[in-house]
PDB file of N, CA and C in Angstrom:
ATOM      1  N   UNK A   1      60.200 -37.052  33.640  1.00  0.00           N
ATOM      2  CA  UNK A   1      59.762 -37.352  32.440  1.00  0.00           C
ATOM      3  C   UNK A   1      58.438 -37.344  32.011  1.00  0.00           C
ATOM      4  N   UNK A   2      57.785 -37.097  32.990  1.00  0.00           N
ATOM      5  CA  UNK A   2      56.372 -36.585  32.974  1.00  0.00           C
ATOM      6  C   UNK A   2      56.219 -35.313  32.213  1.00  0.00           C
ATOM      7  N   UNK A   3      57.268 -34.407  32.223  1.00  0.00           N
ATOM      8  CA  UNK A   3      56.938 -33.242  31.551  1.00  0.00           C
ATOM      9  C   UNK A   3      57.156 -33.425  30.233  1.00  0.00           C
ATOM     10  N   UNK A   4      58.269 -34.246  29.886  1.00  0.00           N
ATOM     11  CA  UNK A   4      58.570 -34.484  28.319  1.00  0.00           C
ATOM     12  C   UNK A   4      57.200 -35.338  27.745  1.00  0.00           C
ATOM     13  N   UNK A   5      56.698 -36.180  28.753  1.00  0.00           N
ATOM     14  CA  UNK A   5      55.271 -36.725  27.963  1.00  0.00           C
ATOM     15  C   UNK A   5      54.345 -35.692  27.612  1.00  0.00           C
ATOM     16  N   UNK A   6      54.226 -34.979  28.746  1.00  0.00           N
ATOM     17  CA  UNK A   6      53.021 -33.721  28.594  1.00  0.00           C
ATOM     18  C   UNK A   6      53.500 -32.945  27.174  1.00  0.00           C
ATOM     19  N   UNK A   7      54.878 -32.530  27.103  1.00  0.00           N
ATOM     20  CA  UNK A   7      55.130 -31.788  25.725  1.00  0.00           C
ATOM     21  C   UNK A   7      55.008 -32.611  24.555  1.00  0.00           C
ATOM     22  N   UNK A   8      55.198 -33.804  24.802  1.00  0.00           N
ATOM     23  CA  UNK A   8      55.029 -34.711  23.448  1.00  0.00           C
ATOM     24  C   UNK A   8      53.619 -34.620  23.196  1.00  0.00           C
ATOM     25  N   UNK A   9      52.609 -34.982  24.231  1.00  0.00           N
ATOM     26  CA  UNK A   9      51.206 -34.870  23.922  1.00  0.00           C
ATOM     27  C   UNK A   9      50.719 -33.409  23.391  1.00  0.00           C
ATOM     28  N   UNK A  10      51.109 -32.582  23.899  1.00  0.00           N
ATOM     29  CA  UNK A  10      50.992 -31.159  23.373  1.00  0.00           C
ATOM     30  C   UNK A  10      51.376 -30.921  21.895  1.00  0.00           C
ATOM     31  N   UNK A  11      52.503 -31.498  21.567  1.00  0.00           N
ATOM     32  CA  UNK A  11      52.949 -31.167  20.243  1.00  0.00           C
ATOM     33  C   UNK A  11      52.379 -32.031  19.308  1.00  0.00           C
ATOM     34  N   UNK A  12      51.801 -33.290  19.825  1.00  0.00           N
ATOM     35  CA  UNK A  12      51.023 -34.272  19.128  1.00  0.00           C
ATOM     36  C   UNK A  12      49.598 -33.707  18.736  1.00  0.00           C
ATOM     37  N   UNK A  13      49.068 -33.166  19.700  1.00  0.00           N
ATOM     38  CA  UNK A  13      47.815 -32.564  19.627  1.00  0.00           C
ATOM     39  C   UNK A  13      47.921 -31.240  18.581  1.00  0.00           C
ATOM     40  N   UNK A  14      48.840 -30.609  18.761  1.00  0.00           N
ATOM     41  CA  UNK A  14      49.094 -29.277  17.799  1.00  0.00           C
ATOM     42  C   UNK A  14      49.216 -29.791  16.372  1.00  0.00           C
ATOM     43  N   UNK A  15      49.798 -30.824  16.065  1.00  0.00           N
ATOM     44  CA  UNK A  15      50.193 -31.734  14.831  1.00  0.00           C
ATOM     45  C   UNK A  15      48.739 -32.159  14.063  1.00  0.00           C
ATOM     46  N   UNK A  16      48.003 -32.775  15.247  1.00  0.00           N
ATOM     47  CA  UNK A  16      46.777 -33.242  14.614  1.00  0.00           C
ATOM     48  C   UNK A  16      45.860 -31.846  14.364  1.00  0.00           C
ATOM     49  N   UNK A  17      45.755 -30.917  15.186  1.00  0.00           N
ATOM     50  CA  UNK A  17      45.084 -29.705  14.601  1.00  0.00           C
ATOM     51  C   UNK A  17      45.422 -29.172  13.418  1.00  0.00           C
ATOM     52  N   UNK A  18      46.879 -29.097  13.236  1.00  0.00           N
ATOM     53  CA  UNK A  18      47.342 -28.743  11.913  1.00  0.00           C
ATOM     54  C   UNK A  18      46.737 -29.468  10.513  1.00  0.00           C
ATOM     55  N   UNK A  19      46.801 -30.685  10.987  1.00  0.00           N
ATOM     56  CA  UNK A  19      46.516 -31.755   9.922  1.00  0.00           C
ATOM     57  C   UNK A  19      45.096 -31.647   9.729  1.00  0.00           C
ATOM     58  N   UNK A  20      44.198 -31.355  10.705  1.00  0.00           N
ATOM     59  CA  UNK A  20      42.715 -31.113  10.257  1.00  0.00           C
ATOM     60  C   UNK A  20      42.330 -29.878   9.710  1.00  0.00           C
ATOM     61  N   UNK A  21      43.109 -28.990  10.020  1.00  0.00           N
ATOM     62  CA  UNK A  21      43.074 -27.755   9.376  1.00  0.00           C
ATOM     63  C   UNK A  21      43.223 -28.013   7.790  1.00  0.00           C
ATOM     64  N   UNK A  22      44.536 -28.508   7.644  1.00  0.00           N
ATOM     65  CA  UNK A  22      44.933 -28.858   6.228  1.00  0.00           C
ATOM     66  C   UNK A  22      43.656 -29.847   5.378  1.00  0.00           C
ATOM     67  N   UNK A  23      43.068 -30.351   6.125  1.00  0.00           N
ATOM     68  CA  UNK A  23      42.122 -31.478   5.543  1.00  0.00           C
ATOM     69  C   UNK A  23      40.795 -30.642   5.295  1.00  0.00           C
ATOM     70  N   UNK A  24      40.600 -29.679   6.115  1.00  0.00           N
ATOM     71  CA  UNK A  24      39.376 -28.746   6.149  1.00  0.00           C
ATOM     72  C   UNK A  24      39.524 -27.899   4.730  1.00  0.00           C
ATOM     73  N   UNK A  25      40.674 -27.396   4.595  1.00  0.00           N
ATOM     74  CA  UNK A  25      41.257 -26.649   3.595  1.00  0.00           C
ATOM     75  C   UNK A  25      40.979 -27.481   2.479  1.00  0.00           C
ATOM     76  N   UNK A  26      41.310 -28.529   2.107  1.00  0.00           N
ATOM     77  CA  UNK A  26      41.395 -29.704   1.059  1.00  0.00           C
ATOM     78  C   UNK A  26      40.100 -29.801   0.596  1.00  0.00           C
ATOM     79  N   UNK A  27      39.240 -30.273   1.770  1.00  0.00           N
ATOM     80  CA  UNK A  27      37.638 -30.558   1.314  1.00  0.00           C
ATOM     81  C   UNK A  27      37.212 -29.268   0.784  1.00  0.00           C
ATOM     82  N   UNK A  28      37.296 -28.143   1.189  1.00  0.00           N
ATOM     83  CA  UNK A  28      36.780 -26.832   0.714  1.00  0.00           C
ATOM     84  C   UNK A  28      37.351 -26.697  -0.615  1.00  0.00           C
ATOM     85  N   UNK A  29      38.724 -26.851  -0.959  1.00  0.00           N
ATOM     86  CA  UNK A  29      39.184 -26.808  -2.430  1.00  0.00           C
ATOM     87  C   UNK A  29      38.470 -27.802  -3.352  1.00  0.00           C
ATOM     88  N   UNK A  30      38.349 -28.995  -2.838  1.00  0.00           N
ATOM     89  CA  UNK A  30      37.493 -30.109  -3.743  1.00  0.00           C
ATOM     90  C   UNK A  30      36.120 -29.744  -3.834  1.00  0.00           C
ATOM     91  N   UNK A  31      35.467 -29.365  -2.965  1.00  0.00           N
ATOM     92  CA  UNK A  31      33.924 -29.085  -3.002  1.00  0.00           C
ATOM     93  C   UNK A  31      34.081 -27.663  -4.358  1.00  0.00           C
ATOM     94  N   UNK A  32      34.831 -26.649  -4.179  1.00  0.00           N
ATOM     95  CA  UNK A  32      34.865 -25.657  -5.054  1.00  0.00           C
ATOM     96  C   UNK A  32      35.288 -25.984  -6.461  1.00  0.00           C
ATOM     97  N   UNK A  33      36.358 -26.844  -6.423  1.00  0.00           N
ATOM     98  CA  UNK A  33      36.649 -27.686  -7.909  1.00  0.00           C
ATOM     99  C   UNK A  33      35.367 -28.159  -8.378  1.00  0.00           C
ATOM    100  N   UNK A  34      34.602 -28.979  -7.611  1.00  0.00           N
ATOM    101  CA  UNK A  34      33.372 -29.874  -8.234  1.00  0.00           C
ATOM    102  C   UNK A  34      32.480 -28.791  -8.640  1.00  0.00           C
ATOM    103  N   UNK A  35      32.125 -27.717  -8.171  1.00  0.00           N
ATOM    104  CA  UNK A  35      31.092 -26.519  -8.543  1.00  0.00           C
ATOM    105  C   UNK A  35      31.636 -25.964  -9.802  1.00  0.00           C
ATOM    106  N   UNK A  36      33.156 -25.843 -10.127  1.00  0.00           N
ATOM    107  CA  UNK A  36      33.343 -25.436 -11.178  1.00  0.00           C
ATOM    108  C   UNK A  36      33.121 -26.111 -12.336  1.00  0.00           C
ATOM    109  N   UNK A  37      33.549 -27.488 -12.124  1.00  0.00           N
ATOM    110  CA  UNK A  37      33.240 -28.712 -12.909  1.00  0.00           C
ATOM    111  C   UNK A  37      32.008 -28.543 -13.483  1.00  0.00           C
ATOM    112  N   UNK A  38      30.972 -28.477 -12.555  1.00  0.00           N
ATOM    113  CA  UNK A  38      29.590 -28.445 -12.968  1.00  0.00           C
ATOM    114  C   UNK A  38      29.279 -27.307 -13.734  1.00  0.00           C
ATOM    115  N   UNK A  39      29.688 -26.192 -13.369  1.00  0.00           N
ATOM    116  CA  UNK A  39      29.493 -24.820 -14.054  1.00  0.00           C
ATOM    117  C   UNK A  39      29.989 -24.863 -15.659  1.00  0.00           C
ATOM    118  N   UNK A  40      31.307 -25.374 -15.615  1.00  0.00           N
ATOM    119  CA  UNK A  40      31.946 -25.813 -16.978  1.00  0.00           C
ATOM    120  C   UNK A  40      31.520 -26.625 -17.840  1.00  0.00           C
ATOM    121  N   UNK A  41      30.712 -27.660 -17.158  1.00  0.00           N
ATOM    122  CA  UNK A  41      29.996 -28.698 -18.102  1.00  0.00           C
ATOM    123  C   UNK A  41      28.827 -27.963 -18.537  1.00  0.00           C
ATOM    124  N   UNK A  42      27.757 -27.318 -17.765  1.00  0.00           N
ATOM    125  CA  UNK A  42      26.630 -26.493 -18.294  1.00  0.00           C
ATOM    126  C   UNK A  42      26.853 -25.685 -19.317  1.00  0.00           C
ATOM    127  N   UNK A  43      28.006 -24.915 -18.842  1.00  0.00           N
ATOM    128  CA  UNK A  43      28.449 -24.014 -20.198  1.00  0.00           C
ATOM    129  C   UNK A  43      28.830 -24.657 -21.479  1.00  0.00           C
ATOM    130  N   UNK A  44      29.523 -25.796 -21.262  1.00  0.00           N
ATOM    131  CA  UNK A  44      29.842 -26.592 -22.490  1.00  0.00           C
ATOM    132  C   UNK A  44      28.255 -27.095 -23.168  1.00  0.00           C
ATOM    133  N   UNK A  45      27.616 -27.622 -22.437  1.00  0.00           N
ATOM    134  CA  UNK A  45      26.329 -27.965 -22.723  1.00  0.00           C
ATOM    135  C   UNK A  45      25.593 -26.861 -23.525  1.00  0.00           C
ATOM    136  N   UNK A  46      25.618 -25.782 -23.222  1.00  0.00           N
ATOM    137  CA  UNK A  46      24.551 -24.432 -23.556  1.00  0.00           C
ATOM    138  C   UNK A  46      25.319 -24.277 -25.114  1.00  0.00           C
ATOM    139  N   UNK A  47      26.688 -24.143 -25.069  1.00  0.00           N
ATOM    140  CA  UNK A  47      27.424 -23.546 -26.189  1.00  0.00           C
ATOM    141  C   UNK A  47      27.302 -24.736 -27.236  1.00  0.00           C
ATOM    142  N   UNK A  48      27.226 -26.124 -26.880  1.00  0.00           N
ATOM    143  CA  UNK A  48      26.892 -27.036 -27.905  1.00  0.00           C
ATOM    144  C   UNK A  48      25.542 -27.152 -28.320  1.00  0.00           C
ATOM    145  N   UNK A  49      24.568 -26.918 -27.438  1.00  0.00           N
ATOM    146  CA  UNK A  49      23.132 -26.566 -27.923  1.00  0.00           C
ATOM    147  C   UNK A  49      23.106 -25.473 -28.944  1.00  0.00           C
ATOM    148  N   UNK A  50      23.739 -24.530 -28.610  1.00  0.00           N
ATOM    149  CA  UNK A  50      23.530 -23.361 -29.456  1.00  0.00           C
ATOM    150  C   UNK A  50      24.255 -23.621 -30.817  1.00  0.00           C
ATOM    151  N   UNK A  51      25.429 -24.344 -30.611  1.00  0.00           N
ATOM    152  CA  UNK A  51      25.995 -24.631 -32.111  1.00  0.00           C
ATOM    153  C   UNK A  51      25.403 -25.532 -33.040  1.00  0.00           C
ATOM    154  N   UNK A  52      24.311 -26.382 -32.308  1.00  0.00           N
ATOM    155  CA  UNK A  52      23.520 -27.305 -32.977  1.00  0.00           C
ATOM    156  C   UNK A  52      22.551 -26.683 -33.834  1.00  0.00           C
ATOM    157  N   UNK A  53      21.668 -25.821 -32.982  1.00  0.00           N
ATOM    158  CA  UNK A  53      20.752 -24.982 -33.263  1.00  0.00           C
ATOM    159  C   UNK A  53      21.314 -24.088 -34.499  1.00  0.00           C
ATOM    160  N   UNK A  54      22.268 -23.629 -34.316  1.00  0.00           N
ATOM    161  CA  UNK A  54      22.791 -22.679 -35.695  1.00  0.00           C
ATOM    162  C   UNK A  54      23.145 -23.695 -36.903  1.00  0.00           C
ATOM    163  N   UNK A  55      23.551 -24.521 -36.496  1.00  0.00           N
ATOM    164  CA  UNK A  55      23.942 -25.508 -37.843  1.00  0.00           C
ATOM    165  C   UNK A  55      22.494 -26.007 -38.185  1.00  0.00           C
ATOM    166  N   UNK A  56      21.509 -26.358 -37.256  1.00  0.00           N
ATOM    167  CA  UNK A  56      19.956 -26.635 -38.007  1.00  0.00           C
ATOM    168  C   UNK A  56      19.642 -25.370 -38.801  1.00  0.00           C
ATOM    169  N   UNK A  57      19.655 -24.238 -38.442  1.00  0.00           N
ATOM    170  CA  UNK A  57      19.135 -22.993 -39.008  1.00  0.00           C
ATOM    171  C   UNK A  57      20.112 -22.725 -40.161  1.00  0.00           C
ATOM    172  N   UNK A  58      21.130 -22.991 -40.278  1.00  0.00           N
ATOM    173  CA  UNK A  58      22.111 -22.961 -41.623  1.00  0.00           C
ATOM    174  C   UNK A  58      21.423 -24.145 -42.613  1.00  0.00           C
ATOM    175  N   UNK A  59      21.195 -25.224 -42.231  1.00  0.00           N
ATOM    176  CA  UNK A  59      20.645 -26.219 -43.058  1.00  0.00           C
ATOM    177  C   UNK A  59      19.287 -26.164 -43.517  1.00  0.00           C
ATOM    178  N   UNK A  60      18.325 -25.475 -42.853  1.00  0.00           N
ATOM    179  CA  UNK A  60      16.948 -24.911 -43.066  1.00  0.00           C
ATOM    180  C   UNK A  60      16.859 -24.105 -44.080  1.00  0.00           C
ATOM    181  N   UNK A  61      17.996 -23.247 -44.324  1.00  0.00           N
ATOM    182  CA  UNK A  61      17.831 -22.193 -45.214  1.00  0.00           C
ATOM    183  C   UNK A  61      18.871 -22.783 -46.578  1.00  0.00           C
ATOM    184  N   UNK A  62      19.175 -23.875 -46.418  1.00  0.00           N
ATOM    185  CA  UNK A  62      20.001 -24.225 -47.421  1.00  0.00           C
ATOM    186  C   UNK A  62      21.551 -23.932 -47.775  1.00  0.00           C
ATOM    187  N   UNK A  63      22.000 -23.503 -46.636  1.00  0.00           N
ATOM    188  CA  UNK A  63      23.204 -22.801 -46.777  1.00  0.00           C
ATOM    189  C   UNK A  63      24.666 -23.814 -46.029  1.00  0.00           C
ATOM    190  N   UNK A  64      24.202 -24.822 -45.839  1.00  0.00           N
ATOM    191  CA  UNK A  64      25.043 -25.737 -44.881  1.00  0.00           C
ATOM    192  C   UNK A  64      26.423 -25.926 -45.778  1.00  0.00           C
ATOM    193  N   UNK A  65      27.477 -25.487 -45.305  1.00  0.00           N
ATOM    194  CA  UNK A  65      28.657 -26.130 -46.083  1.00  0.00           C
ATOM    195  C   UNK A  65      29.083 -24.751 -46.925  1.00  0.00           C
ATOM    196  N   UNK A  66      28.326 -23.723 -47.179  1.00  0.00           N
ATOM    197  CA  UNK A  66      28.672 -22.772 -48.011  1.00  0.00           C
ATOM    198  C   UNK A  66      29.199 -21.469 -47.455  1.00  0.00           C
ATOM    199  N   UNK A  67      30.030 -20.913 -47.780  1.00  0.00           N
ATOM    200  CA  UNK A  67      30.862 -19.783 -47.447  1.00  0.00           C
ATOM    201  C   UNK A  67      29.727 -18.442 -47.876  1.00  0.00           C
ATOM    202  N   UNK A  68      29.597 -17.499 -46.999  1.00  0.00           N
ATOM    203  CA  UNK A  68      28.933 -16.461 -47.204  1.00  0.00           C
ATOM    204  C   UNK A  68      29.571 -15.104 -47.955  1.00  0.00           C
ATOM    205  N   UNK A  69      30.768 -15.427 -48.097  1.00  0.00           N
ATOM    206  CA  UNK A  69      31.551 -14.469 -48.851  1.00  0.00           C
ATOM    207  C   UNK A  69      31.107 -14.342 -50.428  1.00  0.00           C
ATOM    208  N   UNK A  70      31.494 -12.938 -50.827  1.00  0.00           N
ATOM    209  CA  UNK A  70      31.061 -12.623 -52.130  1.00  0.00           C
ATOM    210  C   UNK A  70      32.229 -12.405 -52.897  1.00  0.00           C
TER     211      UNK A  70
END
């Protein structure tokens, strides 16, 4: 019976090690996703700022809302 208890403990430790590995992987993926979200947010802010600048430039030339087609 002592052998079966030792085997149970070994399997339990192996299972815990596997779970810890999965947790580490999940934490890494979460950190990576957070970095990607921050980068996407920064990119969005840059493009929003550029769009606002372009709109302001159009308005300052009196061309807002007008097509440039001939």
